[in-house]
Amino acid sequence: MNEWIKEILTQALEIKNLTHRLEVQTQRLAESEEEVGHLKKKLEESEKMIIALRYDRNFWRDEHGRGSN
């Protein structure tokens, strides 16, 4: 009977440890998804700037008050 109880307690501890690991991995995944969202936003902003620069070669100079030559 004692061996049976030990086995159940061991399995319960393993389940608890695995549950904790799953919670940690879930939190890391959520943080990664948040970071990906932030990086996508920055990329979109950069892409918009590149498009603007392609369509208007004077864009950068105009934005900084240097005027055109």
C-alpha atoms as a PDB file:
ATOM      1  CA  MET A   1       0.000   0.000   0.000  1.00  0.00           C
ATOM      2  CA  ASN A   2       2.834   2.431   0.801  1.00  0.00           C
ATOM      3  CA  GLU A   3       4.390   1.904  -2.632  1.00  0.00           C
ATOM      4  CA  TRP A   4       1.058   2.665  -4.267  1.00  0.00           C
ATOM      5  CA  ILE A   5       0.750   5.933  -2.276  1.00  0.00           C
ATOM      6  CA  LYS A   6       4.344   6.879  -3.129  1.00  0.00           C
ATOM      7  CA  GLU A   7       3.629   6.289  -6.812  1.00  0.00           C
ATOM      8  CA  ILE A   8       0.517   8.483  -6.719  1.00  0.00           C
ATOM      9  CA  LEU A   9       2.389  11.266  -4.898  1.00  0.00           C
ATOM     10  CA  THR A  10       5.258  11.041  -7.392  1.00  0.00           C
ATOM     11  CA  GLN A  11       2.852  11.291 -10.311  1.00  0.00           C
ATOM     12  CA  ALA A  12       1.044  14.216  -8.668  1.00  0.00           C
ATOM     13  CA  LEU A  13       4.361  16.036  -8.263  1.00  0.00           C
ATOM     14  CA  GLU A  14       5.263  15.355 -11.901  1.00  0.00           C
ATOM     15  CA  ILE A  15       1.897  16.723 -13.008  1.00  0.00           C
ATOM     16  CA  LYS A  16       2.406  19.826 -10.867  1.00  0.00           C
ATOM     17  CA  ASN A  17       5.870  20.397 -12.350  1.00  0.00           C
ATOM     18  CA  LEU A  18       4.622  19.887 -15.903  1.00  0.00           C
ATOM     19  CA  THR A  19       1.715  22.252 -15.267  1.00  0.00           C
ATOM     20  CA  HIS A  20       4.144  24.910 -14.051  1.00  0.00           C
ATOM     21  CA  ARG A  21       6.348  24.429 -17.117  1.00  0.00           C
ATOM     22  CA  LEU A  22       3.292  24.776 -19.346  1.00  0.00           C
ATOM     23  CA  GLU A  23       2.297  28.002 -17.591  1.00  0.00           C
ATOM     24  CA  VAL A  24       5.811  29.410 -18.049  1.00  0.00           C
ATOM     25  CA  GLN A  25       5.856  28.465 -21.742  1.00  0.00           C
ATOM     26  CA  THR A  26       2.398  29.989 -22.227  1.00  0.00           C
ATOM     27  CA  GLN A  27       3.586  33.252 -20.654  1.00  0.00           C
ATOM     28  CA  ARG A  28       6.693  33.307 -22.854  1.00  0.00           C
ATOM     29  CA  LEU A  29       4.550  32.709 -25.925  1.00  0.00           C
ATOM     30  CA  ALA A  30       2.255  35.591 -24.980  1.00  0.00           C
ATOM     31  CA  GLU A  31       5.269  37.873 -24.504  1.00  0.00           C
ATOM     32  CA  SER A  32       6.708  36.774 -27.843  1.00  0.00           C
ATOM     33  CA  GLU A  33       3.411  37.456 -29.615  1.00  0.00           C
ATOM     34  CA  GLU A  34       3.323  40.919 -28.057  1.00  0.00           C
ATOM     35  CA  GLU A  35       6.879  41.595 -29.223  1.00  0.00           C
ATOM     36  CA  VAL A  36       6.055  40.355 -32.730  1.00  0.00           C
ATOM     37  CA  GLY A  37       3.097  42.751 -32.837  1.00  0.00           C
ATOM     38  CA  HIS A  38       5.353  45.636 -31.822  1.00  0.00           C
ATOM     39  CA  LEU A  39       7.952  44.701 -34.445  1.00  0.00           C
ATOM     40  CA  LYS A  40       5.279  44.417 -37.149  1.00  0.00           C
ATOM     41  CA  LYS A  41       4.097  47.931 -36.318  1.00  0.00           C
ATOM     42  CA  LYS A  42       7.647  49.294 -36.607  1.00  0.00           C
ATOM     43  CA  LEU A  43       8.110  47.437 -39.891  1.00  0.00           C
ATOM     44  CA  GLU A  44       4.895  48.921 -41.283  1.00  0.00           C
ATOM     45  CA  GLU A  45       6.098  52.398 -40.331  1.00  0.00           C
ATOM     46  CA  SER A  46       9.435  51.760 -42.049  1.00  0.00           C
ATOM     47  CA  GLU A  47       7.710  50.419 -45.157  1.00  0.00           C
ATOM     48  CA  LYS A  48       5.560  53.567 -45.339  1.00  0.00           C
ATOM     49  CA  MET A  49       8.676  55.727 -45.120  1.00  0.00           C
ATOM     50  CA  ILE A  50      10.387  53.732 -47.882  1.00  0.00           C
ATOM     51  CA  ILE A  51       7.340  54.082 -50.126  1.00  0.00           C
ATOM     52  CA  ALA A  52       7.206  57.826 -49.468  1.00  0.00           C
ATOM     53  CA  LEU A  53      10.897  58.163 -50.292  1.00  0.00           C
ATOM     54  CA  ARG A  54      10.471  56.228 -53.522  1.00  0.00           C
ATOM     55  CA  TYR A  55       7.614  58.425 -54.722  1.00  0.00           C
ATOM     56  CA  ASP A  56       9.129  61.734 -53.710  1.00  0.00           C
ATOM     57  CA  ARG A  57      12.903  61.984 -53.898  1.00  0.00           C
ATOM     58  CA  ASN A  58      12.805  65.357 -52.203  1.00  0.00           C
ATOM     59  CA  PHE A  59      10.792  64.038 -49.260  1.00  0.00           C
ATOM     60  CA  TRP A  60      13.754  63.768 -46.902  1.00  0.00           C
ATOM     61  CA  ARG A  61      15.120  67.215 -47.752  1.00  0.00           C
ATOM     62  CA  ASP A  62      11.680  68.805 -47.511  1.00  0.00           C
ATOM     63  CA  GLU A  63      11.030  67.220 -44.118  1.00  0.00           C
ATOM     64  CA  HIS A  64      14.272  68.689 -42.760  1.00  0.00           C
ATOM     65  CA  GLY A  65      13.835  72.174 -44.233  1.00  0.00           C
ATOM     66  CA  ARG A  66      16.754  72.050 -46.650  1.00  0.00           C
ATOM     67  CA  GLY A  67      14.614  72.669 -49.717  1.00  0.00           C
ATOM     68  CA  SER A  68      15.417  71.473 -53.201  1.00  0.00           C
ATOM     69  CA  ASN A  69      18.483  72.396 -55.235  1.00  0.00           C
END
